[in-house]
C-alpha atoms as a PDB file:
ATOM      1  CA  MET A   1     -14.051   8.905 -26.334  1.00  0.00           C
ATOM      2  CA  SER A   2     -10.595   7.413 -27.139  1.00  0.00           C
ATOM      3  CA  SER A   3     -11.772   3.887 -26.324  1.00  0.00           C
ATOM      4  CA  THR A   4     -14.893   4.393 -28.507  1.00  0.00           C
ATOM      5  CA  LEU A   5     -12.849   5.595 -31.424  1.00  0.00           C
ATOM      6  CA  TRP A   6     -10.477   2.727 -31.047  1.00  0.00           C
ATOM      7  CA  THR A   7     -13.355   0.254 -31.099  1.00  0.00           C
ATOM      8  CA  GLN A   8     -14.774   1.891 -34.198  1.00  0.00           C
ATOM      9  CA  PHE A   9     -11.360   1.678 -35.765  1.00  0.00           C
ATOM     10  CA  ILE A  10     -11.307  -2.089 -35.146  1.00  0.00           C
ATOM     11  CA  ILE A  11     -14.852  -2.511 -36.538  1.00  0.00           C
ATOM     12  CA  PHE A  12     -13.816  -0.536 -39.604  1.00  0.00           C
ATOM     13  CA  PHE A  13     -11.060  -2.970 -40.428  1.00  0.00           C
ATOM     14  CA  GLY A  14     -13.313  -5.878 -39.583  1.00  0.00           C
ATOM     15  CA  LEU A  15     -15.871  -4.551 -42.115  1.00  0.00           C
ATOM     16  CA  LEU A  16     -13.093  -3.979 -44.642  1.00  0.00           C
ATOM     17  CA  SER A  17     -11.808  -7.548 -44.196  1.00  0.00           C
ATOM     18  CA  ALA A  18     -15.354  -9.014 -44.457  1.00  0.00           C
ATOM     19  CA  ASN A  19     -16.010  -6.945 -47.707  1.00  0.00           C
ATOM     20  CA  ILE A  20     -12.772  -8.167 -49.330  1.00  0.00           C
ATOM     21  CA  LEU A  21     -13.512 -11.794 -48.317  1.00  0.00           C
ATOM     22  CA  PHE A  22     -17.046 -11.468 -49.695  1.00  0.00           C
ATOM     23  CA  LEU A  23     -15.729 -10.236 -53.057  1.00  0.00           C
ATOM     24  CA  ILE A  24     -13.291 -13.116 -53.272  1.00  0.00           C
ATOM     25  CA  VAL A  25     -15.892 -15.751 -52.449  1.00  0.00           C
ATOM     26  CA  LYS A  26     -18.418 -14.153 -54.872  1.00  0.00           C
ATOM     27  CA  LYS A  27     -15.857 -14.233 -57.692  1.00  0.00           C
ATOM     28  CA  SER A  28     -14.892 -17.867 -56.937  1.00  0.00           C
ATOM     29  CA  GLN A  29     -18.538 -18.975 -56.842  1.00  0.00           C
ATOM     30  CA  PRO A  30     -20.379 -17.131 -59.562  1.00  0.00           C
ATOM     31  CA  ASN A  31     -23.277 -19.508 -59.627  1.00  0.00           C
ATOM     32  CA  LYS A  32     -24.504 -18.853 -56.182  1.00  0.00           C
ATOM     33  CA  ASP A  33     -26.894 -16.048 -55.290  1.00  0.00           C
ATOM     34  CA  PHE A  34     -25.088 -13.720 -52.796  1.00  0.00           C
ATOM     35  CA  SER A  35     -27.555 -10.793 -53.199  1.00  0.00           C
ATOM     36  CA  THR A  36     -28.784 -11.039 -49.583  1.00  0.00           C
ATOM     37  CA  LEU A  37     -25.248 -11.074 -48.236  1.00  0.00           C
ATOM     38  CA  SER A  38     -24.288  -8.050 -50.405  1.00  0.00           C
ATOM     39  CA  LEU A  39     -27.228  -6.112 -48.971  1.00  0.00           C
ATOM     40  CA  ARG A  40     -26.099  -6.867 -45.411  1.00  0.00           C
ATOM     41  CA  ILE A  41     -22.659  -5.680 -46.022  1.00  0.00           C
ATOM     42  CA  LYS A  42     -23.931  -2.429 -47.554  1.00  0.00           C
ATOM     43  CA  THR A  43     -26.168  -1.956 -44.596  1.00  0.00           C
ATOM     44  CA  TRP A  44     -23.163  -2.485 -42.214  1.00  0.00           C
ATOM     45  CA  TRP A  45     -21.237   0.260 -43.912  1.00  0.00           C
ATOM     46  CA  GLY A  46     -24.193   2.622 -43.937  1.00  0.00           C
ATOM     47  CA  MET A  47     -25.048   2.094 -40.291  1.00  0.00           C
ATOM     48  CA  PHE A  48     -21.357   2.352 -39.366  1.00  0.00           C
ATOM     49  CA  VAL A  49     -20.917   5.691 -41.040  1.00  0.00           C
ATOM     50  CA  ILE A  50     -24.095   7.015 -39.277  1.00  0.00           C
ATOM     51  CA  PHE A  51     -22.886   5.985 -35.816  1.00  0.00           C
ATOM     52  CA  VAL A  52     -19.409   7.336 -36.458  1.00  0.00           C
ATOM     53  CA  PHE A  53     -20.752  10.770 -37.281  1.00  0.00           C
ATOM     54  CA  ALA A  54     -23.219  10.603 -34.435  1.00  0.00           C
ATOM     55  CA  THR A  55     -20.470   9.750 -31.944  1.00  0.00           C
ATOM     56  CA  VAL A  56     -17.820  12.205 -33.216  1.00  0.00           C
ATOM     57  CA  PHE A  57     -20.191  15.138 -33.944  1.00  0.00           C
ATOM     58  CA  ASN A  58     -23.737  15.141 -32.733  1.00  0.00           C
ATOM     59  CA  PRO A  59     -26.550  12.633 -31.885  1.00  0.00           C
ATOM     60  CA  ILE A  60     -28.855  14.761 -33.958  1.00  0.00           C
ATOM     61  CA  VAL A  61     -27.106  13.404 -37.088  1.00  0.00           C
ATOM     62  CA  SER A  62     -28.187   9.806 -36.085  1.00  0.00           C
ATOM     63  CA  LEU A  63     -31.647  11.046 -35.294  1.00  0.00           C
ATOM     64  CA  LEU A  64     -32.176  12.619 -38.590  1.00  0.00           C
ATOM     65  CA  SER A  65     -30.535   9.719 -40.489  1.00  0.00           C
ATOM     66  CA  LEU A  66     -32.735   7.165 -38.751  1.00  0.00           C
ATOM     67  CA  MET A  67     -35.875   9.238 -39.376  1.00  0.00           C
ATOM     68  CA  VAL A  68     -35.088   9.275 -43.101  1.00  0.00           C
ATOM     69  CA  LEU A  69     -34.528   5.445 -42.880  1.00  0.00           C
ATOM     70  CA  CYS A  70     -37.996   5.031 -41.339  1.00  0.00           C
ATOM     71  CA  PHE A  71     -39.526   7.143 -43.997  1.00  0.00           C
ATOM     72  CA  PHE A  72     -38.092   5.234 -46.954  1.00  0.00           C
ATOM     73  CA  SER A  73     -38.831   1.861 -45.266  1.00  0.00           C
ATOM     74  CA  LEU A  74     -42.414   2.891 -44.754  1.00  0.00           C
ATOM     75  CA  LYS A  75     -42.593   4.205 -48.294  1.00  0.00           C
ATOM     76  CA  GLU A  76     -41.335   0.844 -49.611  1.00  0.00           C
ATOM     77  CA  TYR A  77     -43.820  -1.049 -47.455  1.00  0.00           C
ATOM     78  CA  PHE A  78     -46.742   1.017 -48.817  1.00  0.00           C
ATOM     79  CA  SER A  79     -45.476   0.378 -52.414  1.00  0.00           C
ATOM     80  CA  MET A  80     -46.048  -3.372 -51.795  1.00  0.00           C
ATOM     81  CA  MET A  81     -49.704  -2.884 -50.865  1.00  0.00           C
ATOM     82  CA  LYS A  82     -52.516  -3.000 -53.415  1.00  0.00           C
ATOM     83  CA  THR A  83     -53.920   0.288 -52.734  1.00  0.00           C
ATOM     84  CA  ARG A  84     -56.683   2.578 -54.019  1.00  0.00           C
ATOM     85  CA  LYS A  85     -56.992   6.355 -54.270  1.00  0.00           C
ATOM     86  CA  VAL A  86     -59.072   6.458 -51.035  1.00  0.00           C
ATOM     87  CA  ASP A  87     -56.132   4.921 -49.046  1.00  0.00           C
ATOM     88  CA  ARG A  88     -53.720   7.777 -49.766  1.00  0.00           C
ATOM     89  CA  ARG A  89     -55.107   9.980 -47.089  1.00  0.00           C
ATOM     90  CA  ALA A  90     -54.261   7.449 -44.437  1.00  0.00           C
ATOM     91  CA  PHE A  91     -50.758   7.170 -45.941  1.00  0.00           C
ATOM     92  CA  LEU A  92     -50.276  10.842 -45.655  1.00  0.00           C
ATOM     93  CA  TRP A  93     -51.172  10.856 -41.932  1.00  0.00           C
ATOM     94  CA  ALA A  94     -48.912   7.893 -41.458  1.00  0.00           C
ATOM     95  CA  TYR A  95     -45.957   9.826 -43.039  1.00  0.00           C
ATOM     96  CA  LEU A  96     -46.702  12.896 -40.918  1.00  0.00           C
ATOM     97  CA  SER A  97     -46.493  10.794 -37.795  1.00  0.00           C
ATOM     98  CA  ILE A  98     -42.835  10.051 -38.387  1.00  0.00           C
ATOM     99  CA  PRO A  99     -41.376  13.519 -37.563  1.00  0.00           C
ATOM    100  CA  VAL A 100     -43.724  13.711 -34.580  1.00  0.00           C
ATOM    101  CA  GLN A 101     -42.420  10.414 -33.233  1.00  0.00           C
ATOM    102  CA  PHE A 102     -38.792  11.558 -33.576  1.00  0.00           C
ATOM    103  CA  TYR A 103     -39.721  14.835 -31.998  1.00  0.00           C
ATOM    104  CA  TRP A 104     -40.610  12.934 -28.730  1.00  0.00           C
ATOM    105  CA  ILE A 105     -37.223  11.364 -28.930  1.00  0.00           C
ATOM    106  CA  TYR A 106     -35.496  14.733 -29.397  1.00  0.00           C
ATOM    107  CA  ILE A 107     -37.173  16.189 -26.262  1.00  0.00           C
ATOM    108  CA  GLU A 108     -36.684  12.870 -24.416  1.00  0.00           C
ATOM    109  CA  TRP A 109     -40.313  12.454 -23.581  1.00  0.00           C
ATOM    110  CA  TYR A 110     -40.356   8.692 -23.125  1.00  0.00           C
ATOM    111  CA  GLY A 111     -43.983   8.476 -22.012  1.00  0.00           C
ATOM    112  CA  MET A 112     -45.298   9.977 -25.270  1.00  0.00           C
ATOM    113  CA  PHE A 113     -42.651   8.176 -27.403  1.00  0.00           C
ATOM    114  CA  ILE A 114     -43.922   4.796 -26.204  1.00  0.00           C
ATOM    115  CA  VAL A 115     -47.661   5.382 -26.604  1.00  0.00           C
ATOM    116  CA  PHE A 116     -47.853   7.811 -29.541  1.00  0.00           C
ATOM    117  CA  ILE A 117     -48.027   5.245 -32.401  1.00  0.00           C
ATOM    118  CA  PRO A 118     -49.417   2.153 -30.513  1.00  0.00           C
ATOM    119  CA  ILE A 119     -52.278   4.171 -28.924  1.00  0.00           C
ATOM    120  CA  TYR A 120     -52.886   7.688 -30.372  1.00  0.00           C
ATOM    121  CA  VAL A 121     -52.092   6.934 -34.038  1.00  0.00           C
ATOM    122  CA  PHE A 122     -53.792   3.597 -33.779  1.00  0.00           C
ATOM    123  CA  LEU A 123     -57.012   5.245 -32.677  1.00  0.00           C
ATOM    124  CA  LEU A 124     -56.856   8.251 -34.929  1.00  0.00           C
ATOM    125  CA  LEU A 125     -55.539   6.844 -38.163  1.00  0.00           C
ATOM    126  CA  PRO A 126     -58.957   5.420 -39.371  1.00  0.00           C
ATOM    127  CA  LEU A 127     -60.678   8.810 -38.936  1.00  0.00           C
ATOM    128  CA  PRO A 128     -59.660  10.312 -42.349  1.00  0.00           C
ATOM    129  CA  ARG A 129     -61.028   7.324 -44.083  1.00  0.00           C
ATOM    130  CA  ILE A 130     -64.251   7.330 -42.090  1.00  0.00           C
ATOM    131  CA  LEU A 131     -64.934  10.970 -42.269  1.00  0.00           C
ATOM    132  CA  GLY A 132     -64.116  11.117 -45.946  1.00  0.00           C
ATOM    133  CA  ASN A 133     -67.203   9.034 -46.727  1.00  0.00           C
ATOM    134  CA  LYS A 134     -65.150   6.717 -48.941  1.00  0.00           C
ATOM    135  CA  GLY A 135     -67.264   3.671 -48.213  1.00  0.00           C
ATOM    136  CA  THR A 136     -66.601   0.492 -46.266  1.00  0.00           C
ATOM    137  CA  VAL A 137     -65.052  -1.707 -48.932  1.00  0.00           C
ATOM    138  CA  GLY A 138     -61.481  -2.567 -48.004  1.00  0.00           C
ATOM    139  CA  PHE A 139     -61.596  -0.517 -44.858  1.00  0.00           C
ATOM    140  CA  LEU A 140     -60.173  -3.198 -42.438  1.00  0.00           C
ATOM    141  CA  ARG A 141     -57.328  -4.237 -44.801  1.00  0.00           C
ATOM    142  CA  SER A 142     -56.329  -0.674 -45.604  1.00  0.00           C
ATOM    143  CA  VAL A 143     -56.222   0.530 -41.989  1.00  0.00           C
ATOM    144  CA  SER A 144     -54.734  -2.566 -40.486  1.00  0.00           C
ATOM    145  CA  THR A 145     -51.930  -2.877 -42.956  1.00  0.00           C
ATOM    146  CA  THR A 146     -51.066   0.792 -42.512  1.00  0.00           C
ATOM    147  CA  GLN A 147     -50.926   0.355 -38.752  1.00  0.00           C
ATOM    148  CA  TRP A 148     -48.748  -2.693 -39.148  1.00  0.00           C
ATOM    149  CA  GLY A 149     -46.305  -0.691 -41.226  1.00  0.00           C
ATOM    150  CA  LEU A 150     -46.215   2.089 -38.740  1.00  0.00           C
ATOM    151  CA  MET A 151     -45.501  -0.338 -35.756  1.00  0.00           C
ATOM    152  CA  LEU A 152     -42.672  -2.134 -37.589  1.00  0.00           C
ATOM    153  CA  MET A 153     -41.057   0.539 -39.799  1.00  0.00           C
ATOM    154  CA  VAL A 154     -41.528   3.546 -37.561  1.00  0.00           C
ATOM    155  CA  PHE A 155     -42.182   2.512 -34.040  1.00  0.00           C
ATOM    156  CA  GLY A 156     -39.792  -0.420 -33.995  1.00  0.00           C
ATOM    157  CA  LEU A 157     -36.924   1.220 -35.851  1.00  0.00           C
ATOM    158  CA  SER A 158     -37.294   4.567 -33.982  1.00  0.00           C
ATOM    159  CA  HIS A 159     -35.921   2.824 -30.835  1.00  0.00           C
ATOM    160  CA  LEU A 160     -32.521   2.944 -32.539  1.00  0.00           C
ATOM    161  CA  ALA A 161     -32.632   6.683 -32.261  1.00  0.00           C
ATOM    162  CA  TYR A 162     -33.675   6.688 -28.603  1.00  0.00           C
ATOM    163  CA  PHE A 163     -30.632   4.888 -27.296  1.00  0.00           C
ATOM    164  CA  GLN A 164     -28.403   7.984 -27.428  1.00  0.00           C
ATOM    165  CA  PHE A 165     -30.955  10.286 -25.834  1.00  0.00           C
ATOM    166  CA  ALA A 166     -31.834   7.841 -23.139  1.00  0.00           C
ATOM    167  CA  SER A 167     -28.085   7.176 -22.382  1.00  0.00           C
ATOM    168  CA  PRO A 168     -25.707   9.765 -23.758  1.00  0.00           C
ATOM    169  CA  GLU A 169     -22.759   7.950 -22.260  1.00  0.00           C
ATOM    170  CA  TYR A 170     -23.434   4.454 -23.674  1.00  0.00           C
ATOM    171  CA  GLY A 171     -26.171   5.050 -26.316  1.00  0.00           C
ATOM    172  CA  ALA A 172     -24.020   5.174 -29.498  1.00  0.00           C
ATOM    173  CA  ASN A 173     -22.017   2.071 -28.604  1.00  0.00           C
ATOM    174  CA  LEU A 174     -25.155   0.179 -27.606  1.00  0.00           C
ATOM    175  CA  VAL A 175     -26.640   0.842 -31.015  1.00  0.00           C
ATOM    176  CA  LEU A 176     -23.450  -0.154 -32.720  1.00  0.00           C
ATOM    177  CA  PHE A 177     -23.418  -3.358 -30.655  1.00  0.00           C
ATOM    178  CA  LEU A 178     -27.006  -4.090 -31.517  1.00  0.00           C
ATOM    179  CA  VAL A 179     -26.614  -3.477 -35.241  1.00  0.00           C
ATOM    180  CA  LEU A 180     -23.324  -5.396 -35.405  1.00  0.00           C
ATOM    181  CA  LEU A 181     -24.944  -8.464 -33.731  1.00  0.00           C
ATOM    182  CA  THR A 182     -28.188  -8.265 -35.737  1.00  0.00           C
ATOM    183  CA  GLN A 183     -26.438  -8.007 -39.069  1.00  0.00           C
ATOM    184  CA  LEU A 184     -24.042 -10.704 -38.181  1.00  0.00           C
ATOM    185  CA  ASN A 185     -26.819 -12.966 -37.096  1.00  0.00           C
ATOM    186  CA  ASP A 186     -28.567 -12.437 -40.445  1.00  0.00           C
ATOM    187  CA  VAL A 187     -25.401 -13.096 -42.474  1.00  0.00           C
ATOM    188  CA  VAL A 188     -24.442 -16.293 -40.537  1.00  0.00           C
ATOM    189  CA  HIS A 189     -28.025 -17.536 -40.854  1.00  0.00           C
ATOM    190  CA  PHE A 190     -27.928 -16.892 -44.600  1.00  0.00           C
ATOM    191  CA  LEU A 191     -24.578 -18.618 -45.141  1.00  0.00           C
ATOM    192  CA  ILE A 192     -25.438 -21.683 -43.107  1.00  0.00           C
ATOM    193  CA  SER A 193     -28.789 -21.978 -44.777  1.00  0.00           C
ATOM    194  CA  LEU A 194     -27.167 -21.530 -48.255  1.00  0.00           C
ATOM    195  CA  TYR A 195     -24.510 -24.250 -47.747  1.00  0.00           C
ATOM    196  CA  VAL A 196     -25.892 -26.803 -45.161  1.00  0.00           C
ATOM    197  CA  GLY A 197     -29.421 -25.849 -44.551  1.00  0.00           C
ATOM    198  CA  LYS A 198     -31.990 -28.576 -45.270  1.00  0.00           C
ATOM    199  CA  ARG A 199     -34.984 -28.001 -42.956  1.00  0.00           C
ATOM    200  CA  LYS A 200     -36.747 -24.871 -44.298  1.00  0.00           C
ATOM    201  CA  VAL A 201     -38.924 -22.968 -41.756  1.00  0.00           C
ATOM    202  CA  ILE A 202     -41.240 -21.237 -44.298  1.00  0.00           C
ATOM    203  CA  PRO A 203     -40.302 -22.529 -47.799  1.00  0.00           C
ATOM    204  CA  THR A 204     -43.240 -20.693 -49.427  1.00  0.00           C
ATOM    205  CA  ALA A 205     -42.150 -17.248 -48.098  1.00  0.00           C
ATOM    206  CA  ASN A 206     -38.354 -17.428 -47.644  1.00  0.00           C
ATOM    207  CA  PRO A 207     -36.235 -20.484 -48.651  1.00  0.00           C
ATOM    208  CA  ASN A 208     -33.164 -18.828 -47.032  1.00  0.00           C
ATOM    209  CA  VAL A 209     -34.672 -19.315 -43.533  1.00  0.00           C
ATOM    210  CA  THR A 210     -33.776 -22.787 -42.169  1.00  0.00           C
ATOM    211  CA  TRP A 211     -33.622 -24.390 -38.747  1.00  0.00           C
ATOM    212  CA  GLU A 212     -29.908 -25.203 -39.234  1.00  0.00           C
ATOM    213  CA  GLY A 213     -29.232 -21.521 -40.040  1.00  0.00           C
ATOM    214  CA  PHE A 214     -31.197 -20.391 -36.869  1.00  0.00           C
ATOM    215  CA  LEU A 215     -29.238 -22.705 -34.650  1.00  0.00           C
ATOM    216  CA  GLY A 216     -25.897 -21.881 -36.106  1.00  0.00           C
ATOM    217  CA  ALA A 217     -26.608 -18.088 -36.138  1.00  0.00           C
ATOM    218  CA  THR A 218     -27.663 -18.309 -32.491  1.00  0.00           C
ATOM    219  CA  ILE A 219     -24.491 -19.947 -31.459  1.00  0.00           C
ATOM    220  CA  VAL A 220     -22.232 -17.630 -33.466  1.00  0.00           C
ATOM    221  CA  THR A 221     -24.081 -14.403 -32.416  1.00  0.00           C
ATOM    222  CA  THR A 222     -23.955 -15.336 -28.734  1.00  0.00           C
ATOM    223  CA  VAL A 223     -20.206 -16.173 -28.907  1.00  0.00           C
ATOM    224  CA  VAL A 224     -19.350 -12.907 -30.708  1.00  0.00           C
ATOM    225  CA  SER A 225     -21.549 -11.002 -28.128  1.00  0.00           C
ATOM    226  CA  TYR A 226     -19.379 -12.714 -25.429  1.00  0.00           C
ATOM    227  CA  TYR A 227     -16.163 -11.276 -26.927  1.00  0.00           C
ATOM    228  CA  VAL A 228     -17.527  -7.839 -27.980  1.00  0.00           C
ATOM    229  CA  TYR A 229     -19.726  -6.771 -24.982  1.00  0.00           C
ATOM    230  CA  PRO A 230     -16.728  -5.569 -22.871  1.00  0.00           C
ATOM    231  CA  SER A 231     -15.658  -3.075 -25.526  1.00  0.00           C
ATOM    232  CA  LEU A 232     -19.114  -1.664 -26.475  1.00  0.00           C
ATOM    233  CA  THR A 233     -21.314  -2.001 -23.449  1.00  0.00           C
ATOM    234  CA  PRO A 234     -21.315  -1.643 -19.639  1.00  0.00           C
ATOM    235  CA  PHE A 235     -22.895  -5.088 -19.176  1.00  0.00           C
ATOM    236  CA  ASP A 236     -21.618  -7.912 -17.000  1.00  0.00           C
ATOM    237  CA  LEU A 237     -20.776 -11.409 -18.370  1.00  0.00           C
ATOM    238  CA  LYS A 238     -24.296 -12.740 -17.806  1.00  0.00           C
ATOM    239  CA  PHE A 239     -26.054 -10.018 -19.669  1.00  0.00           C
ATOM    240  CA  GLY A 240     -23.336 -10.009 -22.326  1.00  0.00           C
ATOM    241  CA  ILE A 241     -24.363 -13.583 -23.203  1.00  0.00           C
ATOM    242  CA  ILE A 242     -28.118 -12.867 -22.806  1.00  0.00           C
ATOM    243  CA  SER A 243     -27.769  -9.974 -25.304  1.00  0.00           C
ATOM    244  CA  GLY A 244     -26.455 -12.416 -27.972  1.00  0.00           C
ATOM    245  CA  LEU A 245     -29.450 -14.698 -27.368  1.00  0.00           C
ATOM    246  CA  LEU A 246     -31.890 -11.778 -27.413  1.00  0.00           C
ATOM    247  CA  VAL A 247     -30.654 -10.582 -30.796  1.00  0.00           C
ATOM    248  CA  ALA A 248     -30.471 -14.013 -32.333  1.00  0.00           C
ATOM    249  CA  PHE A 249     -34.113 -14.805 -31.331  1.00  0.00           C
ATOM    250  CA  GLY A 250     -35.361 -11.353 -32.098  1.00  0.00           C
ATOM    251  CA  GLY A 251     -33.674 -11.244 -35.513  1.00  0.00           C
ATOM    252  CA  PHE A 252     -35.073 -14.598 -36.389  1.00  0.00           C
ATOM    253  CA  PHE A 253     -38.615 -13.757 -35.599  1.00  0.00           C
ATOM    254  CA  GLY A 254     -38.254 -10.279 -37.309  1.00  0.00           C
ATOM    255  CA  ALA A 255     -36.918 -11.741 -40.564  1.00  0.00           C
ATOM    256  CA  LEU A 256     -39.580 -14.503 -40.401  1.00  0.00           C
ATOM    257  CA  THR A 257     -42.400 -11.957 -39.879  1.00  0.00           C
ATOM    258  CA  MET A 258     -41.231  -9.593 -42.638  1.00  0.00           C
ATOM    259  CA  SER A 259     -40.758 -12.574 -45.077  1.00  0.00           C
ATOM    260  CA  VAL A 260     -44.385 -13.675 -44.564  1.00  0.00           C
ATOM    261  CA  LEU A 261     -45.602 -10.098 -44.693  1.00  0.00           C
ATOM    262  CA  ARG A 262     -43.893  -9.402 -47.935  1.00  0.00           C
ATOM    263  CA  ARG A 263     -45.073 -12.675 -49.431  1.00  0.00           C
ATOM    264  CA  ASP A 264     -48.723 -11.903 -48.527  1.00  0.00           C
ATOM    265  CA  LEU A 265     -48.555  -8.389 -49.913  1.00  0.00           C
ATOM    266  CA  LEU A 266     -46.789  -9.362 -53.176  1.00  0.00           C
ATOM    267  CA  ILE A 267     -48.601 -12.489 -54.149  1.00  0.00           C
ATOM    268  CA  GLY A 268     -49.016 -12.630 -57.876  1.00  0.00           C
ATOM    269  CA  ASP A 269     -46.600  -9.639 -58.514  1.00  0.00           C
ATOM    270  CA  ASP A 270     -43.319 -11.219 -59.446  1.00  0.00           C
ATOM    271  CA  GLU A 271     -42.014  -8.140 -61.135  1.00  0.00           C
ATOM    272  CA  LYS A 272     -42.366  -6.044 -57.943  1.00  0.00           C
ATOM    273  CA  THR A 273     -40.955  -8.919 -55.846  1.00  0.00           C
ATOM    274  CA  THR A 274     -37.792  -8.789 -57.895  1.00  0.00           C
ATOM    275  CA  SER A 275     -37.441  -5.102 -57.892  1.00  0.00           C
ATOM    276  CA  LEU A 276     -37.815  -4.912 -54.092  1.00  0.00           C
ATOM    277  CA  LYS A 277     -35.119  -7.523 -53.256  1.00  0.00           C
ATOM    278  CA  GLU A 278     -32.545  -4.844 -52.709  1.00  0.00           C
ATOM    279  CA  GLY A 279     -34.945  -2.502 -50.904  1.00  0.00           C
ATOM    280  CA  TYR A 280     -34.860  -1.022 -47.427  1.00  0.00           C
ATOM    281  CA  LEU A 281     -37.005  -3.741 -45.847  1.00  0.00           C
ATOM    282  CA  SER A 282     -34.527  -6.414 -46.854  1.00  0.00           C
ATOM    283  CA  ARG A 283     -31.893  -4.703 -44.848  1.00  0.00           C
ATOM    284  CA  VAL A 284     -33.707  -3.694 -41.723  1.00  0.00           C
ATOM    285  CA  ASP A 285     -36.268  -6.554 -41.279  1.00  0.00           C
ATOM    286  CA  SER A 286     -34.496  -7.989 -38.255  1.00  0.00           C
ATOM    287  CA  LEU A 287     -33.959  -4.653 -36.704  1.00  0.00           C
ATOM    288  CA  THR A 288     -37.669  -4.027 -36.492  1.00  0.00           C
ATOM    289  CA  TYR A 289     -37.794  -6.641 -33.760  1.00  0.00           C
ATOM    290  CA  THR A 290     -34.276  -6.472 -32.167  1.00  0.00           C
ATOM    291  CA  ALA A 291     -34.268  -2.738 -31.625  1.00  0.00           C
ATOM    292  CA  PRO A 292     -37.362  -2.457 -29.332  1.00  0.00           C
ATOM    293  CA  ILE A 293     -36.695  -5.807 -27.639  1.00  0.00           C
ATOM    294  CA  PHE A 294     -33.124  -4.927 -26.737  1.00  0.00           C
ATOM    295  CA  PHE A 295     -34.032  -1.328 -25.718  1.00  0.00           C
ATOM    296  CA  HIS A 296     -36.832  -2.378 -23.290  1.00  0.00           C
ATOM    297  CA  VAL A 297     -34.936  -5.250 -21.730  1.00  0.00           C
ATOM    298  CA  ILE A 298     -32.015  -2.939 -21.034  1.00  0.00           C
ATOM    299  CA  ARG A 299     -34.296  -0.224 -19.704  1.00  0.00           C
ATOM    300  CA  TYR A 300     -35.949  -2.699 -17.342  1.00  0.00           C
ATOM    301  CA  PHE A 301     -32.735  -4.083 -15.913  1.00  0.00           C
ATOM    302  CA  PHE A 302     -30.340  -1.069 -15.887  1.00  0.00           C
ATOM    303  CA  GLU A 303     -30.518   2.417 -14.370  1.00  0.00           C
ATOM    304  CA  PHE A 304     -28.415   4.123 -17.052  1.00  0.00           C
ATOM    305  CA  MET A 305     -31.360   3.870 -19.488  1.00  0.00           C
END
């Protein structure tokens, strides 16, 4: 516990220094848009507080906090969809699946946790729409987009909560390690794309995603992983480096997917696009990919999970 608290103490001062540096840069360059970076820093603080309480007090705190995060992320995702009254019943069942998914985590039933949303919810979710005799118009778009939201915002993010139950000894630090690398990867990608990025990956969906940013963020994230893994993980050198690469690639594809998804759902609605810039999805988009990838790779290669 003493080494964990000492590590968190160092991370606290690192976050404080990053926050102060951000405020200085923002004040010296008022013409640049730093809204994305501001969101990432706020996310760092929020996640850090959650994991400190979870480590010092009880993992249930982390479980409940992440369940609330999944709820609001899914709610924001649904708000982007062009829906009709007939779709609301499916939304209700989608919301009700969140506490059930986290209950499997609480009782440590891994088998049900891993199949509940991808299989059972996938098969049963269309039934309220079918049995309600609401017609066939828009059925596929309604059901498929709802299932996409559940897979990303609930199934993907819920892996963050399972770390501590799968490995009480290392779980909290592994999540802290994952979130630290994921958010750092996003910030470095944004800064490099902002200042030197020229080759945009998907200019129509997200002009902040560039190949220069991806390459630079991959290098920085891997280097930081190399220096941080001895303090937060039980990994060896090889997997410490691999962890950085996993997070860099997973974060890139997660942000890319969510950018395209948001763009598709919000086409023609500029007002809503602006209002959702500071929403939950902008903060956790990369985690929807890095959390499950990191979790299952660790579980496959290490006995402590």
